[in-house]
Amino acid sequence: MEKLDGTSMNLVQKNIKKLKEIFPEIFIEGRIDFELL
C-alpha cells in the first residue's frame, strides 16, 4: 500500500508557471498584469 504524505500539489504555482509559458508578456515584475491578459 502506498503511503500518502497528506499534502496536495500547489496548483496555484503550477497554473502560474503554465501562464508564464503560454503568455510571457503578461508578467510585469513577476506579477500578472490582468489588463494585458
PDB file of N, CA and C in Angstrom:
ATOM      1  N   MET A   1       0.848  -1.186   0.000  1.00  0.00           N
ATOM      2  CA  MET A   1       0.000   0.000   0.000  1.00  0.00           C
ATOM      3  C   MET A   1       0.890   1.244   0.000  1.00  0.00           C
ATOM      4  N   GLU A   2       0.520   2.215  -0.811  1.00  0.00           N
ATOM      5  CA  GLU A   2       1.297   3.446  -0.932  1.00  0.00           C
ATOM      6  C   GLU A   2       0.973   4.392   0.213  1.00  0.00           C
ATOM      7  N   LYS A   3       2.019   4.934   0.825  1.00  0.00           N
ATOM      8  CA  LYS A   3       1.827   5.877   1.925  1.00  0.00           C
ATOM      9  C   LYS A   3       1.642   7.285   1.354  1.00  0.00           C
ATOM     10  N   LEU A   4       0.627   7.983   1.814  1.00  0.00           N
ATOM     11  CA  LEU A   4       0.361   9.354   1.386  1.00  0.00           C
ATOM     12  C   LEU A   4       0.934  10.316   2.406  1.00  0.00           C
ATOM     13  N   ASP A   5       1.486  11.435   1.921  1.00  0.00           N
ATOM     14  CA  ASP A   5       2.094  12.399   2.847  1.00  0.00           C
ATOM     15  C   ASP A   5       1.118  13.450   3.349  1.00  0.00           C
ATOM     16  N   GLY A   6      -0.101  13.463   2.848  1.00  0.00           N
ATOM     17  CA  GLY A   6      -1.122  14.381   3.347  1.00  0.00           C
ATOM     18  C   GLY A   6      -1.035  15.788   2.787  1.00  0.00           C
ATOM     19  N   THR A   7      -0.181  16.005   1.808  1.00  0.00           N
ATOM     20  CA  THR A   7      -0.085  17.330   1.200  1.00  0.00           C
ATOM     21  C   THR A   7      -0.623  17.279  -0.220  1.00  0.00           C
ATOM     22  N   SER A   8      -1.093  18.415  -0.688  1.00  0.00           N
ATOM     23  CA  SER A   8      -1.591  18.489  -2.061  1.00  0.00           C
ATOM     24  C   SER A   8      -0.605  19.283  -2.907  1.00  0.00           C
ATOM     25  N   MET A   9      -0.697  19.109  -4.201  1.00  0.00           N
ATOM     26  CA  MET A   9       0.170  19.868  -5.098  1.00  0.00           C
ATOM     27  C   MET A   9      -0.221  21.339  -5.027  1.00  0.00           C
ATOM     28  N   ASN A  10       0.752  22.181  -5.182  1.00  0.00           N
ATOM     29  CA  ASN A  10       0.473  23.612  -5.180  1.00  0.00           C
ATOM     30  C   ASN A  10      -0.044  23.994  -6.563  1.00  0.00           C
ATOM     31  N   LEU A  11      -1.354  23.912  -6.723  1.00  0.00           N
ATOM     32  CA  LEU A  11      -1.973  24.144  -8.028  1.00  0.00           C
ATOM     33  C   LEU A  11      -1.829  25.582  -8.496  1.00  0.00           C
ATOM     34  N   VAL A  12      -1.818  26.521  -7.567  1.00  0.00           N
ATOM     35  CA  VAL A  12      -1.691  27.932  -7.959  1.00  0.00           C
ATOM     36  C   VAL A  12      -0.342  28.157  -8.635  1.00  0.00           C
ATOM     37  N   GLN A  13       0.722  27.691  -8.015  1.00  0.00           N
ATOM     38  CA  GLN A  13       2.053  27.869  -8.596  1.00  0.00           C
ATOM     39  C   GLN A  13       2.178  27.138  -9.925  1.00  0.00           C
ATOM     40  N   LYS A  14       1.564  25.972 -10.013  1.00  0.00           N
ATOM     41  CA  LYS A  14       1.600  25.197 -11.254  1.00  0.00           C
ATOM     42  C   LYS A  14       0.887  25.957 -12.376  1.00  0.00           C
ATOM     43  N   ASN A  15      -0.254  26.556 -12.064  1.00  0.00           N
ATOM     44  CA  ASN A  15      -1.008  27.310 -13.069  1.00  0.00           C
ATOM     45  C   ASN A  15      -0.289  28.592 -13.477  1.00  0.00           C
ATOM     46  N   ILE A  16       0.359  29.252 -12.524  1.00  0.00           N
ATOM     47  CA  ILE A  16       1.133  30.458 -12.844  1.00  0.00           C
ATOM     48  C   ILE A  16       2.278  30.104 -13.784  1.00  0.00           C
ATOM     49  N   LYS A  17       2.922  28.973 -13.532  1.00  0.00           N
ATOM     50  CA  LYS A  17       4.013  28.529 -14.400  1.00  0.00           C
ATOM     51  C   LYS A  17       3.505  28.286 -15.821  1.00  0.00           C
ATOM     52  N   LYS A  18       2.332  27.679 -15.938  1.00  0.00           N
ATOM     53  CA  LYS A  18       1.746  27.438 -17.265  1.00  0.00           C
ATOM     54  C   LYS A  18       1.434  28.756 -17.966  1.00  0.00           C
ATOM     55  N   LEU A  19       0.883  29.723 -17.223  1.00  0.00           N
ATOM     56  CA  LEU A  19       0.582  31.029 -17.818  1.00  0.00           C
ATOM     57  C   LEU A  19       1.851  31.710 -18.324  1.00  0.00           C
ATOM     58  N   LYS A  20       2.945  31.606 -17.548  1.00  0.00           N
ATOM     59  CA  LYS A  20       4.214  32.211 -17.971  1.00  0.00           C
ATOM     60  C   LYS A  20       4.714  31.587 -19.266  1.00  0.00           C
ATOM     61  N   GLU A  21       4.483  30.277 -19.425  1.00  0.00           N
ATOM     62  CA  GLU A  21       4.917  29.606 -20.648  1.00  0.00           C
ATOM     63  C   GLU A  21       4.073  30.033 -21.847  1.00  0.00           C
ATOM     64  N   ILE A  22       2.765  30.191 -21.635  1.00  0.00           N
ATOM     65  CA  ILE A  22       1.854  30.500 -22.735  1.00  0.00           C
ATOM     66  C   ILE A  22       1.831  31.996 -23.051  1.00  0.00           C
ATOM     67  N   PHE A  23       1.775  32.836 -22.010  1.00  0.00           N
ATOM     68  CA  PHE A  23       1.669  34.293 -22.172  1.00  0.00           C
ATOM     69  C   PHE A  23       2.775  35.010 -21.389  1.00  0.00           C
ATOM     70  N   PRO A  24       4.027  34.904 -21.796  1.00  0.00           N
ATOM     71  CA  PRO A  24       5.104  35.545 -21.015  1.00  0.00           C
ATOM     72  C   PRO A  24       4.992  37.066 -20.965  1.00  0.00           C
ATOM     73  N   GLU A  25       4.304  37.664 -21.947  1.00  0.00           N
ATOM     74  CA  GLU A  25       4.206  39.126 -21.998  1.00  0.00           C
ATOM     75  C   GLU A  25       3.261  39.710 -20.950  1.00  0.00           C
ATOM     76  N   ILE A  26       2.437  38.889 -20.294  1.00  0.00           N
ATOM     77  CA  ILE A  26       1.501  39.427 -19.295  1.00  0.00           C
ATOM     78  C   ILE A  26       2.139  39.588 -17.920  1.00  0.00           C
ATOM     79  N   PHE A  27       3.378  39.116 -17.775  1.00  0.00           N
ATOM     80  CA  PHE A  27       4.047  39.209 -16.480  1.00  0.00           C
ATOM     81  C   PHE A  27       4.947  40.426 -16.442  1.00  0.00           C
ATOM     82  N   ILE A  28       4.674  41.300 -15.479  1.00  0.00           N
ATOM     83  CA  ILE A  28       5.462  42.510 -15.283  1.00  0.00           C
ATOM     84  C   ILE A  28       5.972  42.485 -13.847  1.00  0.00           C
ATOM     85  N   GLU A  29       7.295  42.526 -13.694  1.00  0.00           N
ATOM     86  CA  GLU A  29       7.941  42.473 -12.381  1.00  0.00           C
ATOM     87  C   GLU A  29       7.488  41.249 -11.594  1.00  0.00           C
ATOM     88  N   GLY A  30       7.321  40.120 -12.285  1.00  0.00           N
ATOM     89  CA  GLY A  30       6.962  38.875 -11.624  1.00  0.00           C
ATOM     90  C   GLY A  30       5.499  38.739 -11.257  1.00  0.00           C
ATOM     91  N   ARG A  31       4.686  39.709 -11.633  1.00  0.00           N
ATOM     92  CA  ARG A  31       3.258  39.666 -11.311  1.00  0.00           C
ATOM     93  C   ARG A  31       2.443  39.686 -12.594  1.00  0.00           C
ATOM     94  N   ILE A  32       1.229  39.167 -12.511  1.00  0.00           N
ATOM     95  CA  ILE A  32       0.357  39.128 -13.680  1.00  0.00           C
ATOM     96  C   ILE A  32      -0.321  40.481 -13.855  1.00  0.00           C
ATOM     97  N   ASP A  33      -0.231  41.026 -15.059  1.00  0.00           N
ATOM     98  CA  ASP A  33      -0.959  42.249 -15.403  1.00  0.00           C
ATOM     99  C   ASP A  33      -2.278  41.814 -16.035  1.00  0.00           C
ATOM    100  N   PHE A  34      -3.349  41.849 -15.251  1.00  0.00           N
ATOM    101  CA  PHE A  34      -4.637  41.338 -15.708  1.00  0.00           C
ATOM    102  C   PHE A  34      -5.242  42.190 -16.822  1.00  0.00           C
ATOM    103  N   GLU A  35      -4.826  43.445 -16.934  1.00  0.00           N
ATOM    104  CA  GLU A  35      -5.303  44.276 -18.041  1.00  0.00           C
ATOM    105  C   GLU A  35      -4.723  43.792 -19.365  1.00  0.00           C
ATOM    106  N   LEU A  36      -3.491  43.334 -19.351  1.00  0.00           N
ATOM    107  CA  LEU A  36      -2.885  42.781 -20.563  1.00  0.00           C
ATOM    108  C   LEU A  36      -3.459  41.410 -20.888  1.00  0.00           C
ATOM    109  N   LEU A  37      -3.843  40.692 -19.864  1.00  0.00           N
ATOM    110  CA  LEU A  37      -4.409  39.358 -20.067  1.00  0.00           C
ATOM    111  C   LEU A  37      -5.767  39.477 -20.696  1.00  0.00           C
TER     112      LEU A  37
END
